[in-house]
Amino acid sequence: MSTYPPPGGPSVGRRFEEALELIELELQHAIAYVNDAVVPEIRRESIAALRAMSDRLRNLADRFERSGAGSSGSRAPSPGKPEDAHR
């Protein structure tokens, strides 16, 4: 009858500990990669996307403002442009 592991070889507990150490090392490398490469790229792309969305929203607001300028209804004051107090 054979025994596993063979006598004199590493015990199952020791092999398990070695596997855990290797997994931990790989996780540390993965975390470093994410922090060093992925996170900065996501930040750059997020900033670019926010700027593009800001430009689109500004253009949309300008279109709304222009389309309301020809109507006879009253408009709300634009932010940053105080209403004339003598109207």
N, C-alpha and C. Protein backbone atom coordinates (compact mmCIF):
# COMPACT_ATOMS: atom_id res chain seq x y z
N MET A 1 0.84 -1.16 0.00
CA MET A 1 0.00 0.00 0.00
C MET A 1 0.90 1.24 0.00
N SER A 2 0.65 2.15 -0.95
CA SER A 2 1.47 3.35 -1.04
C SER A 2 0.85 4.48 -0.23
N THR A 3 1.72 5.35 0.22
CA THR A 3 1.25 6.52 0.97
C THR A 3 1.54 7.77 0.16
N TYR A 4 0.68 8.75 0.30
CA TYR A 4 0.88 10.02 -0.39
C TYR A 4 0.86 11.12 0.62
N PRO A 5 1.78 12.03 0.67
CA PRO A 5 2.99 12.10 -0.14
C PRO A 5 4.00 11.05 0.31
N PRO A 6 5.00 10.83 -0.54
CA PRO A 6 6.00 9.83 -0.17
C PRO A 6 6.75 10.24 1.10
N PRO A 7 7.20 9.25 1.85
CA PRO A 7 7.94 9.58 3.07
C PRO A 7 9.14 10.46 2.77
N GLY A 8 9.37 11.42 3.59
CA GLY A 8 10.50 12.32 3.42
C GLY A 8 10.18 13.54 2.57
N GLY A 9 9.06 13.53 1.85
CA GLY A 9 8.67 14.67 1.02
C GLY A 9 7.94 15.71 1.86
N PRO A 10 7.63 16.84 1.25
CA PRO A 10 6.92 17.88 2.00
C PRO A 10 5.53 17.42 2.39
N SER A 11 5.11 17.83 3.54
CA SER A 11 3.79 17.44 4.02
C SER A 11 2.72 18.21 3.24
N VAL A 12 1.50 17.72 3.34
CA VAL A 12 0.38 18.38 2.67
C VAL A 12 0.21 19.80 3.22
N GLY A 13 0.37 19.96 4.51
CA GLY A 13 0.25 21.28 5.12
C GLY A 13 1.30 22.24 4.59
N ARG A 14 2.52 21.75 4.43
CA ARG A 14 3.60 22.60 3.93
C ARG A 14 3.35 22.98 2.48
N ARG A 15 2.89 22.04 1.67
CA ARG A 15 2.59 22.32 0.27
C ARG A 15 1.46 23.34 0.17
N PHE A 16 0.50 23.24 1.05
CA PHE A 16 -0.61 24.19 1.08
C PHE A 16 -0.10 25.59 1.42
N GLU A 17 0.81 25.68 2.40
CA GLU A 17 1.40 26.96 2.77
C GLU A 17 2.18 27.57 1.61
N GLU A 18 2.92 26.73 0.88
CA GLU A 18 3.68 27.23 -0.27
C GLU A 18 2.74 27.75 -1.36
N ALA A 19 1.65 27.04 -1.58
CA ALA A 19 0.67 27.48 -2.57
C ALA A 19 0.06 28.82 -2.16
N LEU A 20 -0.26 28.97 -0.89
CA LEU A 20 -0.81 30.23 -0.40
C LEU A 20 0.19 31.37 -0.56
N GLU A 21 1.46 31.10 -0.30
CA GLU A 21 2.48 32.13 -0.47
C GLU A 21 2.58 32.57 -1.94
N LEU A 22 2.52 31.60 -2.86
CA LEU A 22 2.57 31.94 -4.28
C LEU A 22 1.34 32.75 -4.71
N ILE A 23 0.19 32.35 -4.21
CA ILE A 23 -1.04 33.09 -4.52
C ILE A 23 -0.95 34.52 -3.98
N GLU A 24 -0.46 34.67 -2.77
CA GLU A 24 -0.31 36.00 -2.17
C GLU A 24 0.65 36.85 -2.99
N LEU A 25 1.75 36.27 -3.44
CA LEU A 25 2.72 36.99 -4.25
C LEU A 25 2.09 37.44 -5.57
N GLU A 26 1.33 36.57 -6.21
CA GLU A 26 0.67 36.91 -7.47
C GLU A 26 -0.37 38.01 -7.25
N LEU A 27 -1.09 37.95 -6.13
CA LEU A 27 -2.06 39.01 -5.83
C LEU A 27 -1.37 40.35 -5.62
N GLN A 28 -0.23 40.34 -4.96
CA GLN A 28 0.52 41.59 -4.77
C GLN A 28 0.96 42.16 -6.12
N HIS A 29 1.38 41.30 -7.04
CA HIS A 29 1.78 41.77 -8.37
C HIS A 29 0.56 42.32 -9.12
N ALA A 30 -0.56 41.65 -9.00
CA ALA A 30 -1.78 42.11 -9.68
C ALA A 30 -2.23 43.46 -9.12
N ILE A 31 -2.17 43.61 -7.82
CA ILE A 31 -2.56 44.89 -7.19
C ILE A 31 -1.62 46.00 -7.64
N ALA A 32 -0.34 45.73 -7.69
CA ALA A 32 0.63 46.73 -8.14
C ALA A 32 0.35 47.12 -9.59
N TYR A 33 0.04 46.15 -10.44
CA TYR A 33 -0.26 46.44 -11.84
C TYR A 33 -1.51 47.31 -11.95
N VAL A 34 -2.54 46.96 -11.22
CA VAL A 34 -3.78 47.75 -11.25
C VAL A 34 -3.51 49.18 -10.79
N ASN A 35 -2.79 49.33 -9.70
CA ASN A 35 -2.49 50.67 -9.17
C ASN A 35 -1.58 51.47 -10.09
N ASP A 36 -0.62 50.82 -10.73
CA ASP A 36 0.37 51.53 -11.54
C ASP A 36 -0.07 51.76 -12.98
N ALA A 37 -0.87 50.87 -13.53
CA ALA A 37 -1.22 50.97 -14.95
C ALA A 37 -2.71 51.22 -15.19
N VAL A 38 -3.55 50.49 -14.52
CA VAL A 38 -4.98 50.56 -14.81
C VAL A 38 -5.61 51.82 -14.23
N VAL A 39 -5.37 52.11 -12.97
CA VAL A 39 -6.00 53.26 -12.31
C VAL A 39 -5.65 54.58 -13.01
N PRO A 40 -4.39 54.86 -13.33
CA PRO A 40 -4.09 56.11 -14.03
C PRO A 40 -4.78 56.21 -15.40
N GLU A 41 -4.85 55.11 -16.12
CA GLU A 41 -5.52 55.12 -17.42
C GLU A 41 -7.01 55.39 -17.27
N ILE A 42 -7.63 54.79 -16.28
CA ILE A 42 -9.05 55.03 -16.03
C ILE A 42 -9.27 56.49 -15.67
N ARG A 43 -8.39 57.07 -14.86
CA ARG A 43 -8.51 58.49 -14.51
C ARG A 43 -8.42 59.36 -15.76
N ARG A 44 -7.44 59.10 -16.60
CA ARG A 44 -7.28 59.90 -17.82
C ARG A 44 -8.52 59.80 -18.70
N GLU A 45 -9.00 58.59 -18.89
CA GLU A 45 -10.18 58.41 -19.75
C GLU A 45 -11.43 59.01 -19.12
N SER A 46 -11.55 58.93 -17.81
CA SER A 46 -12.70 59.51 -17.13
C SER A 46 -12.70 61.03 -17.26
N ILE A 47 -11.54 61.63 -17.11
CA ILE A 47 -11.44 63.08 -17.24
C ILE A 47 -11.80 63.50 -18.67
N ALA A 48 -11.30 62.78 -19.65
CA ALA A 48 -11.62 63.10 -21.04
C ALA A 48 -13.11 62.94 -21.31
N ALA A 49 -13.72 61.89 -20.76
CA ALA A 49 -15.15 61.67 -20.94
C ALA A 49 -15.96 62.77 -20.27
N LEU A 50 -15.56 63.19 -19.08
CA LEU A 50 -16.27 64.27 -18.39
C LEU A 50 -16.18 65.58 -19.17
N ARG A 51 -15.00 65.86 -19.72
CA ARG A 51 -14.85 67.08 -20.52
C ARG A 51 -15.72 67.03 -21.77
N ALA A 52 -15.75 65.89 -22.44
CA ALA A 52 -16.58 65.76 -23.63
C ALA A 52 -18.06 65.93 -23.28
N MET A 53 -18.48 65.31 -22.18
CA MET A 53 -19.88 65.44 -21.75
C MET A 53 -20.19 66.89 -21.37
N SER A 54 -19.26 67.55 -20.74
CA SER A 54 -19.44 68.95 -20.37
C SER A 54 -19.64 69.81 -21.62
N ASP A 55 -18.83 69.56 -22.64
CA ASP A 55 -18.97 70.31 -23.89
C ASP A 55 -20.33 70.05 -24.53
N ARG A 56 -20.76 68.81 -24.54
CA ARG A 56 -22.07 68.48 -25.12
C ARG A 56 -23.20 69.13 -24.35
N LEU A 57 -23.12 69.11 -23.03
CA LEU A 57 -24.16 69.76 -22.22
C LEU A 57 -24.17 71.26 -22.45
N ARG A 58 -22.98 71.87 -22.56
CA ARG A 58 -22.90 73.31 -22.83
C ARG A 58 -23.54 73.62 -24.18
N ASN A 59 -23.24 72.82 -25.21
CA ASN A 59 -23.84 73.03 -26.52
C ASN A 59 -25.36 72.87 -26.47
N LEU A 60 -25.83 71.89 -25.75
CA LEU A 60 -27.27 71.68 -25.62
C LEU A 60 -27.92 72.86 -24.91
N ALA A 61 -27.30 73.35 -23.85
CA ALA A 61 -27.84 74.51 -23.14
C ALA A 61 -27.86 75.73 -24.07
N ASP A 62 -26.81 75.90 -24.87
CA ASP A 62 -26.79 77.01 -25.83
C ASP A 62 -27.93 76.89 -26.84
N ARG A 63 -28.19 75.68 -27.33
CA ARG A 63 -29.29 75.47 -28.27
C ARG A 63 -30.63 75.79 -27.63
N PHE A 64 -30.81 75.33 -26.38
CA PHE A 64 -32.06 75.65 -25.67
C PHE A 64 -32.22 77.15 -25.51
N GLU A 65 -31.13 77.81 -25.18
CA GLU A 65 -31.18 79.25 -24.97
C GLU A 65 -31.52 79.98 -26.27
N ARG A 66 -30.90 79.55 -27.37
CA ARG A 66 -31.18 80.19 -28.66
C ARG A 66 -32.61 79.94 -29.11
N SER A 67 -33.11 78.72 -28.90
CA SER A 67 -34.47 78.42 -29.33
C SER A 67 -35.49 79.16 -28.48
N GLY A 68 -35.18 79.46 -27.24
CA GLY A 68 -36.09 80.21 -26.38
C GLY A 68 -36.00 81.70 -26.60
N ALA A 69 -34.94 82.19 -27.24
CA ALA A 69 -34.76 83.63 -27.43
C ALA A 69 -35.79 84.19 -28.39
N GLY A 70 -36.25 83.39 -29.36
CA GLY A 70 -37.22 83.89 -30.33
C GLY A 70 -38.66 83.77 -29.85
N SER A 71 -38.90 83.07 -28.77
CA SER A 71 -40.28 82.91 -28.30
C SER A 71 -40.71 84.11 -27.49
N SER A 72 -42.03 84.27 -27.35
CA SER A 72 -42.55 85.43 -26.61
C SER A 72 -42.59 85.18 -25.11
N GLY A 73 -42.35 83.96 -24.67
CA GLY A 73 -42.39 83.65 -23.24
C GLY A 73 -41.18 84.20 -22.53
N SER A 74 -41.29 84.34 -21.23
CA SER A 74 -40.16 84.85 -20.46
C SER A 74 -39.18 83.73 -20.20
N ARG A 75 -37.93 84.12 -20.10
CA ARG A 75 -36.88 83.14 -19.84
C ARG A 75 -36.33 83.35 -18.45
N ALA A 76 -35.83 82.29 -17.89
CA ALA A 76 -35.15 82.38 -16.60
C ALA A 76 -33.78 83.00 -16.84
N PRO A 77 -33.26 83.74 -15.87
CA PRO A 77 -31.94 84.35 -16.07
C PRO A 77 -30.87 83.28 -16.19
N SER A 78 -29.88 83.59 -17.02
CA SER A 78 -28.76 82.66 -17.17
C SER A 78 -27.88 82.76 -15.94
N PRO A 79 -27.30 81.63 -15.50
CA PRO A 79 -26.39 81.69 -14.36
C PRO A 79 -25.21 82.60 -14.67
N GLY A 80 -24.87 83.44 -13.73
CA GLY A 80 -23.74 84.33 -13.91
C GLY A 80 -24.10 85.63 -14.61
N LYS A 81 -25.32 85.74 -15.10
CA LYS A 81 -25.78 86.98 -15.75
C LYS A 81 -26.94 87.53 -14.94
N PRO A 82 -26.69 88.53 -14.08
CA PRO A 82 -27.78 89.05 -13.25
C PRO A 82 -28.82 89.77 -14.11
N GLU A 83 -30.05 89.60 -13.74
CA GLU A 83 -31.15 90.26 -14.43
C GLU A 83 -31.07 91.75 -14.23
N ASP A 84 -31.45 92.49 -15.21
CA ASP A 84 -31.48 93.95 -15.11
C ASP A 84 -32.55 94.35 -14.11
N ALA A 85 -32.18 95.08 -13.10
CA ALA A 85 -33.10 95.44 -12.02
C ALA A 85 -34.12 96.46 -12.46
N HIS A 86 -33.93 97.16 -13.60
CA HIS A 86 -34.82 98.22 -14.03
C HIS A 86 -35.84 97.76 -15.03
N ARG A 87 -36.08 96.51 -15.23
CA ARG A 87 -37.07 96.03 -16.20
C ARG A 87 -38.46 96.13 -15.65
